[in-house]
């Protein structure tokens, strides 16, 4: 008898996976998507900032590597 009640209860509940995807779909409809021009502009900004940061880090890495190399040469030499 107990198994029958559990089976009936499970049959009355909506499928959780289906419910999840239905809710995701509803939330995605609320999103304000950027226009192609906005996407292009923001992508260019991200690329430029990433390149600038990479150059900045490369310069600092080169400077510190050079200082460490000079320090090692003076100590060892």
PDB file of N, CA and C in Angstrom:
ATOM      1  N   UNK A   1       0.819  -1.191   0.000  1.00  0.00           N
ATOM      2  CA  UNK A   1       0.000   0.000   0.000  1.00  0.00           C
ATOM      3  C   UNK A   1       0.867   1.260   0.000  1.00  0.00           C
ATOM      4  N   UNK A   2       1.928   1.231   0.774  1.00  0.00           N
ATOM      5  CA  UNK A   2       2.819   2.391   0.869  1.00  0.00           C
ATOM      6  C   UNK A   2       3.464   2.694  -0.479  1.00  0.00           C
ATOM      7  N   UNK A   3       3.907   1.675  -1.207  1.00  0.00           N
ATOM      8  CA  UNK A   3       4.523   1.871  -2.529  1.00  0.00           C
ATOM      9  C   UNK A   3       3.555   2.509  -3.516  1.00  0.00           C
ATOM     10  N   UNK A   4       2.293   2.166  -3.372  1.00  0.00           N
ATOM     11  CA  UNK A   4       1.294   2.727  -4.276  1.00  0.00           C
ATOM     12  C   UNK A   4       1.150   4.231  -4.041  1.00  0.00           C
ATOM     13  N   UNK A   5       1.167   4.668  -2.762  1.00  0.00           N
ATOM     14  CA  UNK A   5       1.057   6.097  -2.467  1.00  0.00           C
ATOM     15  C   UNK A   5       2.277   6.872  -2.959  1.00  0.00           C
ATOM     16  N   UNK A   6       3.444   6.280  -2.813  1.00  0.00           N
ATOM     17  CA  UNK A   6       4.667   6.938  -3.276  1.00  0.00           C
ATOM     18  C   UNK A   6       4.640   7.073  -4.788  1.00  0.00           C
ATOM     19  N   UNK A   7       4.189   6.050  -5.494  1.00  0.00           N
ATOM     20  CA  UNK A   7       4.105   6.084  -6.955  1.00  0.00           C
ATOM     21  C   UNK A   7       3.094   7.133  -7.406  1.00  0.00           C
ATOM     22  N   UNK A   8       1.959   7.208  -6.743  1.00  0.00           N
ATOM     23  CA  UNK A   8       0.954   8.208  -7.099  1.00  0.00           C
ATOM     24  C   UNK A   8       1.483   9.618  -6.859  1.00  0.00           C
ATOM     25  N   UNK A   9       2.195   9.798  -5.755  1.00  0.00           N
ATOM     26  CA  UNK A   9       2.752  11.098  -5.428  1.00  0.00           C
ATOM     27  C   UNK A   9       3.772  11.523  -6.482  1.00  0.00           C
ATOM     28  N   UNK A  10       4.633  10.602  -6.889  1.00  0.00           N
ATOM     29  CA  UNK A  10       5.648  10.900  -7.903  1.00  0.00           C
ATOM     30  C   UNK A  10       4.998  11.204  -9.241  1.00  0.00           C
ATOM     31  N   UNK A  11       3.918  10.549  -9.556  1.00  0.00           N
ATOM     32  CA  UNK A  11       3.237  10.774 -10.832  1.00  0.00           C
ATOM     33  C   UNK A  11       2.600  12.161 -10.887  1.00  0.00           C
ATOM     34  N   UNK A  12       2.199  12.688  -9.743  1.00  0.00           N
ATOM     35  CA  UNK A  12       1.548  14.003  -9.706  1.00  0.00           C
ATOM     36  C   UNK A  12       2.542  15.154  -9.765  1.00  0.00           C
ATOM     37  N   UNK A  13       3.834  14.891  -9.449  1.00  0.00           N
ATOM     38  CA  UNK A  13       4.828  15.956  -9.470  1.00  0.00           C
ATOM     39  C   UNK A  13       5.337  16.163 -10.899  1.00  0.00           C
ATOM     40  N   UNK A  14       5.575  17.436 -11.269  1.00  0.00           N
ATOM     41  CA  UNK A  14       6.111  17.684 -12.615  1.00  0.00           C
ATOM     42  C   UNK A  14       7.570  17.216 -12.684  1.00  0.00           C
ATOM     43  N   UNK A  15       7.986  16.863 -13.885  1.00  0.00           N
ATOM     44  CA  UNK A  15       9.364  16.438 -14.098  1.00  0.00           C
ATOM     45  C   UNK A  15      10.280  17.616 -13.782  1.00  0.00           C
ATOM     46  N   UNK A  16      11.246  17.426 -12.865  1.00  0.00           N
ATOM     47  CA  UNK A  16      12.102  18.525 -12.422  1.00  0.00           C
ATOM     48  C   UNK A  16      12.987  19.056 -13.538  1.00  0.00           C
ATOM     49  N   UNK A  17      13.442  18.181 -14.423  1.00  0.00           N
ATOM     50  CA  UNK A  17      14.298  18.627 -15.535  1.00  0.00           C
ATOM     51  C   UNK A  17      13.480  19.497 -16.488  1.00  0.00           C
ATOM     52  N   UNK A  18      12.282  19.065 -16.801  1.00  0.00           N
ATOM     53  CA  UNK A  18      11.412  19.841 -17.682  1.00  0.00           C
ATOM     54  C   UNK A  18      11.087  21.193 -17.048  1.00  0.00           C
ATOM     55  N   UNK A  19      10.815  21.184 -15.750  1.00  0.00           N
ATOM     56  CA  UNK A  19      10.512  22.425 -15.041  1.00  0.00           C
ATOM     57  C   UNK A  19      11.711  23.371 -15.087  1.00  0.00           C
ATOM     58  N   UNK A  20      12.901  22.822 -14.868  1.00  0.00           N
ATOM     59  CA  UNK A  20      14.126  23.631 -14.885  1.00  0.00           C
ATOM     60  C   UNK A  20      14.300  24.321 -16.238  1.00  0.00           C
ATOM     61  N   UNK A  21      14.198  23.556 -17.323  1.00  0.00           N
ATOM     62  CA  UNK A  21      14.400  24.144 -18.650  1.00  0.00           C
ATOM     63  C   UNK A  21      13.288  25.131 -19.009  1.00  0.00           C
ATOM     64  N   UNK A  22      12.082  24.888 -18.544  1.00  0.00           N
ATOM     65  CA  UNK A  22      10.989  25.824 -18.788  1.00  0.00           C
ATOM     66  C   UNK A  22      11.280  27.155 -18.090  1.00  0.00           C
ATOM     67  N   UNK A  23      11.797  27.076 -16.844  1.00  0.00           N
ATOM     68  CA  UNK A  23      12.125  28.297 -16.114  1.00  0.00           C
ATOM     69  C   UNK A  23      13.316  29.025 -16.736  1.00  0.00           C
ATOM     70  N   UNK A  24      14.314  28.290 -17.196  1.00  0.00           N
ATOM     71  CA  UNK A  24      15.469  28.903 -17.865  1.00  0.00           C
ATOM     72  C   UNK A  24      15.007  29.632 -19.113  1.00  0.00           C
ATOM     73  N   UNK A  25      14.159  29.012 -19.866  1.00  0.00           N
ATOM     74  CA  UNK A  25      13.635  29.629 -21.090  1.00  0.00           C
ATOM     75  C   UNK A  25      12.882  30.925 -20.765  1.00  0.00           C
ATOM     76  N   UNK A  26      12.104  30.900 -19.683  1.00  0.00           N
ATOM     77  CA  UNK A  26      11.374  32.093 -19.268  1.00  0.00           C
ATOM     78  C   UNK A  26      12.317  33.220 -18.864  1.00  0.00           C
ATOM     79  N   UNK A  27      13.400  32.873 -18.150  1.00  0.00           N
ATOM     80  CA  UNK A  27      14.370  33.889 -17.737  1.00  0.00           C
ATOM     81  C   UNK A  27      15.126  34.458 -18.938  1.00  0.00           C
ATOM     82  N   UNK A  28      15.453  33.616 -19.908  1.00  0.00           N
ATOM     83  CA  UNK A  28      16.178  34.091 -21.087  1.00  0.00           C
ATOM     84  C   UNK A  28      15.330  35.050 -21.919  1.00  0.00           C
ATOM     85  N   UNK A  29      14.016  34.912 -21.847  1.00  0.00           N
ATOM     86  CA  UNK A  29      13.148  35.846 -22.569  1.00  0.00           C
ATOM     87  C   UNK A  29      13.189  37.239 -21.940  1.00  0.00           C
ATOM     88  N   UNK A  30      13.546  37.320 -20.648  1.00  0.00           N
ATOM     89  CA  UNK A  30      13.601  38.604 -19.952  1.00  0.00           C
ATOM     90  C   UNK A  30      14.911  39.354 -20.196  1.00  0.00           C
ATOM     91  N   UNK A  31      15.905  38.666 -20.731  1.00  0.00           N
ATOM     92  CA  UNK A  31      17.223  39.266 -20.918  1.00  0.00           C
ATOM     93  C   UNK A  31      17.181  40.310 -22.024  1.00  0.00           C
ATOM     94  N   UNK A  32      17.854  41.425 -21.794  1.00  0.00           N
ATOM     95  CA  UNK A  32      18.012  42.440 -22.831  1.00  0.00           C
ATOM     96  C   UNK A  32      19.323  42.138 -23.558  1.00  0.00           C
ATOM     97  N   UNK A  33      19.217  41.596 -24.746  1.00  0.00           N
ATOM     98  CA  UNK A  33      20.399  41.181 -25.496  1.00  0.00           C
ATOM     99  C   UNK A  33      21.013  42.379 -26.211  1.00  0.00           C
ATOM    100  N   UNK A  34      22.353  42.448 -26.282  1.00  0.00           N
ATOM    101  CA  UNK A  34      22.991  43.573 -26.974  1.00  0.00           C
ATOM    102  C   UNK A  34      22.789  43.468 -28.483  1.00  0.00           C
ATOM    103  N   UNK A  35      22.813  44.627 -29.120  1.00  0.00           N
ATOM    104  CA  UNK A  35      22.708  44.644 -30.578  1.00  0.00           C
ATOM    105  C   UNK A  35      24.040  44.167 -31.166  1.00  0.00           C
ATOM    106  N   UNK A  36      24.062  43.788 -32.437  1.00  0.00           N
ATOM    107  CA  UNK A  36      25.334  43.378 -33.050  1.00  0.00           C
ATOM    108  C   UNK A  36      26.415  44.458 -32.961  1.00  0.00           C
ATOM    109  N   UNK A  37      26.010  45.734 -33.114  1.00  0.00           N
ATOM    110  CA  UNK A  37      26.980  46.833 -33.010  1.00  0.00           C
ATOM    111  C   UNK A  37      27.566  46.935 -31.599  1.00  0.00           C
ATOM    112  N   UNK A  38      26.712  46.799 -30.603  1.00  0.00           N
ATOM    113  CA  UNK A  38      27.194  46.826 -29.217  1.00  0.00           C
ATOM    114  C   UNK A  38      28.139  45.662 -28.946  1.00  0.00           C
ATOM    115  N   UNK A  39      27.773  44.494 -29.423  1.00  0.00           N
ATOM    116  CA  UNK A  39      28.618  43.309 -29.229  1.00  0.00           C
ATOM    117  C   UNK A  39      29.985  43.506 -29.869  1.00  0.00           C
ATOM    118  N   UNK A  40      29.988  44.036 -31.083  1.00  0.00           N
ATOM    119  CA  UNK A  40      31.242  44.268 -31.797  1.00  0.00           C
ATOM    120  C   UNK A  40      32.107  45.295 -31.055  1.00  0.00           C
ATOM    121  N   UNK A  41      31.492  46.382 -30.635  1.00  0.00           N
ATOM    122  CA  UNK A  41      32.215  47.447 -29.926  1.00  0.00           C
ATOM    123  C   UNK A  41      32.791  46.936 -28.607  1.00  0.00           C
ATOM    124  N   UNK A  42      31.989  46.224 -27.839  1.00  0.00           N
ATOM    125  CA  UNK A  42      32.456  45.704 -26.553  1.00  0.00           C
ATOM    126  C   UNK A  42      33.541  44.631 -26.728  1.00  0.00           C
ATOM    127  N   UNK A  43      33.433  43.833 -27.776  1.00  0.00           N
ATOM    128  CA  UNK A  43      34.467  42.829 -28.054  1.00  0.00           C
ATOM    129  C   UNK A  43      35.793  43.514 -28.365  1.00  0.00           C
ATOM    130  N   UNK A  44      35.745  44.568 -29.159  1.00  0.00           N
ATOM    131  CA  UNK A  44      36.970  45.315 -29.499  1.00  0.00           C
ATOM    132  C   UNK A  44      37.577  45.922 -28.239  1.00  0.00           C
ATOM    133  N   UNK A  45      36.733  46.466 -27.366  1.00  0.00           N
ATOM    134  CA  UNK A  45      37.231  47.051 -26.113  1.00  0.00           C
ATOM    135  C   UNK A  45      37.922  45.990 -25.265  1.00  0.00           C
ATOM    136  N   UNK A  46      37.317  44.820 -25.152  1.00  0.00           N
ATOM    137  CA  UNK A  46      37.907  43.737 -24.353  1.00  0.00           C
ATOM    138  C   UNK A  46      39.243  43.306 -24.946  1.00  0.00           C
ATOM    139  N   UNK A  47      39.330  43.193 -26.263  1.00  0.00           N
ATOM    140  CA  UNK A  47      40.584  42.789 -26.911  1.00  0.00           C
ATOM    141  C   UNK A  47      41.670  43.832 -26.672  1.00  0.00           C
ATOM    142  N   UNK A  48      41.328  45.115 -26.822  1.00  0.00           N
ATOM    143  CA  UNK A  48      42.311  46.185 -26.617  1.00  0.00           C
ATOM    144  C   UNK A  48      42.807  46.198 -25.170  1.00  0.00           C
ATOM    145  N   UNK A  49      41.892  46.102 -24.215  1.00  0.00           N
ATOM    146  CA  UNK A  49      42.301  46.101 -22.805  1.00  0.00           C
ATOM    147  C   UNK A  49      43.146  44.871 -22.491  1.00  0.00           C
ATOM    148  N   UNK A  50      42.791  43.725 -23.029  1.00  0.00           N
ATOM    149  CA  UNK A  50      43.573  42.507 -22.800  1.00  0.00           C
ATOM    150  C   UNK A  50      44.974  42.641 -23.366  1.00  0.00           C
ATOM    151  N   UNK A  51      45.099  43.196 -24.573  1.00  0.00           N
ATOM    152  CA  UNK A  51      46.417  43.399 -25.172  1.00  0.00           C
ATOM    153  C   UNK A  51      47.244  44.405 -24.375  1.00  0.00           C
ATOM    154  N   UNK A  52      46.609  45.492 -23.937  1.00  0.00           N
ATOM    155  CA  UNK A  52      47.325  46.497 -23.143  1.00  0.00           C
ATOM    156  C   UNK A  52      47.826  45.892 -21.832  1.00  0.00           C
ATOM    157  N   UNK A  53      47.005  45.105 -21.188  1.00  0.00           N
ATOM    158  CA  UNK A  53      47.403  44.463 -19.940  1.00  0.00           C
ATOM    159  C   UNK A  53      48.513  43.450 -20.180  1.00  0.00           C
ATOM    160  N   UNK A  54      48.446  42.713 -21.294  1.00  0.00           N
ATOM    161  CA  UNK A  54      49.502  41.755 -21.631  1.00  0.00           C
ATOM    162  C   UNK A  54      50.830  42.471 -21.848  1.00  0.00           C
ATOM    163  N   UNK A  55      50.810  43.606 -22.558  1.00  0.00           N
ATOM    164  CA  UNK A  55      52.033  44.389 -22.777  1.00  0.00           C
ATOM    165  C   UNK A  55      52.562  44.917 -21.450  1.00  0.00           C
ATOM    166  N   UNK A  56      51.671  45.427 -20.600  1.00  0.00           N
ATOM    167  CA  UNK A  56      52.062  45.926 -19.284  1.00  0.00           C
ATOM    168  C   UNK A  56      52.758  44.827 -18.474  1.00  0.00           C
ATOM    169  N   UNK A  57      52.169  43.641 -18.437  1.00  0.00           N
ATOM    170  CA  UNK A  57      52.773  42.533 -17.695  1.00  0.00           C
ATOM    171  C   UNK A  57      54.086  42.082 -18.324  1.00  0.00           C
ATOM    172  N   UNK A  58      54.156  42.097 -19.653  1.00  0.00           N
ATOM    173  CA  UNK A  58      55.392  41.707 -20.341  1.00  0.00           C
ATOM    174  C   UNK A  58      56.533  42.663 -19.977  1.00  0.00           C
ATOM    175  N   UNK A  59      56.243  43.965 -19.929  1.00  0.00           N
ATOM    176  CA  UNK A  59      57.272  44.955 -19.574  1.00  0.00           C
ATOM    177  C   UNK A  59      57.756  44.725 -18.144  1.00  0.00           C
ATOM    178  N   UNK A  60      56.835  44.553 -17.207  1.00  0.00           N
ATOM    179  CA  UNK A  60      57.238  44.301 -15.819  1.00  0.00           C
ATOM    180  C   UNK A  60      58.016  42.991 -15.688  1.00  0.00           C
ATOM    181  N   UNK A  61      57.588  41.961 -16.394  1.00  0.00           N
ATOM    182  CA  UNK A  61      58.295  40.678 -16.361  1.00  0.00           C
ATOM    183  C   UNK A  61      59.711  40.843 -16.903  1.00  0.00           C
ATOM    184  N   UNK A  62      59.843  41.558 -18.002  1.00  0.00           N
ATOM    185  CA  UNK A  62      61.171  41.796 -18.593  1.00  0.00           C
ATOM    186  C   UNK A  62      62.057  42.583 -17.633  1.00  0.00           C
ATOM    187  N   UNK A  63      61.491  43.611 -16.998  1.00  0.00           N
ATOM    188  CA  UNK A  63      62.262  44.439 -16.072  1.00  0.00           C
ATOM    189  C   UNK A  63      62.733  43.618 -14.866  1.00  0.00           C
ATOM    190  N   UNK A  64      61.845  42.886 -14.259  1.00  0.00           N
ATOM    191  CA  UNK A  64      62.239  42.092 -13.095  1.00  0.00           C
ATOM    192  C   UNK A  64      63.197  40.971 -13.475  1.00  0.00           C
ATOM    193  N   UNK A  65      62.986  40.346 -14.630  1.00  0.00           N
ATOM    194  CA  UNK A  65      63.907  39.291 -15.079  1.00  0.00           C
ATOM    195  C   UNK A  65      65.303  39.857 -15.299  1.00  0.00           C
ATOM    196  N   UNK A  66      65.372  41.044 -15.889  1.00  0.00           N
ATOM    197  CA  UNK A  66      66.669  41.682 -16.116  1.00  0.00           C
ATOM    198  C   UNK A  66      67.346  42.022 -14.792  1.00  0.00           C
ATOM    199  N   UNK A  67      66.575  42.534 -13.838  1.00  0.00           N
ATOM    200  CA  UNK A  67      67.160  42.862 -12.534  1.00  0.00           C
ATOM    201  C   UNK A  67      67.662  41.612 -11.817  1.00  0.00           C
ATOM    202  N   UNK A  68      66.911  40.553 -11.849  1.00  0.00           N
ATOM    203  CA  UNK A  68      67.332  39.310 -11.200  1.00  0.00           C
ATOM    204  C   UNK A  68      68.570  38.750 -11.890  1.00  0.00           C
ATOM    205  N   UNK A  69      68.588  38.806 -13.223  1.00  0.00           N
ATOM    206  CA  UNK A  69      69.750  38.313 -13.967  1.00  0.00           C
ATOM    207  C   UNK A  69      70.998  39.126 -13.608  1.00  0.00           C
ATOM    208  N   UNK A  70      70.909  40.451 -13.543  1.00  0.00           N
ATOM    209  CA  UNK A  70      72.036  41.279 -13.138  1.00  0.00           C
ATOM    210  C   UNK A  70      72.490  40.971 -11.720  1.00  0.00           C
ATOM    211  N   UNK A  71      71.536  40.786 -10.840  1.00  0.00           N
ATOM    212  CA  UNK A  71      71.862  40.462  -9.458  1.00  0.00           C
ATOM    213  C   UNK A  71      72.594  39.121  -9.360  1.00  0.00           C
ATOM    214  N   UNK A  72      72.153  38.143 -10.090  1.00  0.00           N
ATOM    215  CA  UNK A  72      72.803  36.833 -10.086  1.00  0.00           C
ATOM    216  C   UNK A  72      74.216  36.928 -10.676  1.00  0.00           C
ATOM    217  N   UNK A  73      74.376  37.688 -11.750  1.00  0.00           N
ATOM    218  CA  UNK A  73      75.703  37.843 -12.356  1.00  0.00           C
ATOM    219  C   UNK A  73      76.674  38.524 -11.384  1.00  0.00           C
ATOM    220  N   UNK A  74      76.187  39.530 -10.635  1.00  0.00           N
ATOM    221  CA  UNK A  74      77.059  40.236  -9.695  1.00  0.00           C
ATOM    222  C   UNK A  74      77.426  39.353  -8.506  1.00  0.00           C
ATOM    223  N   UNK A  75      76.505  38.563  -8.054  1.00  0.00           N
ATOM    224  CA  UNK A  75      76.776  37.679  -6.922  1.00  0.00           C
ATOM    225  C   UNK A  75      77.712  36.548  -7.352  1.00  0.00           C
ATOM    226  N   UNK A  76      77.434  35.936  -8.502  1.00  0.00           N
ATOM    227  CA  UNK A  76      78.220  34.799  -8.978  1.00  0.00           C
ATOM    228  C   UNK A  76      79.554  35.246  -9.577  1.00  0.00           C
ATOM    229  N   UNK A  77      79.625  36.406 -10.098  1.00  0.00           N
ATOM    230  CA  UNK A  77      80.809  36.866 -10.834  1.00  0.00           C
ATOM    231  C   UNK A  77      81.778  37.544  -9.992  1.00  0.00           C
TER     232      UNK A  77
END
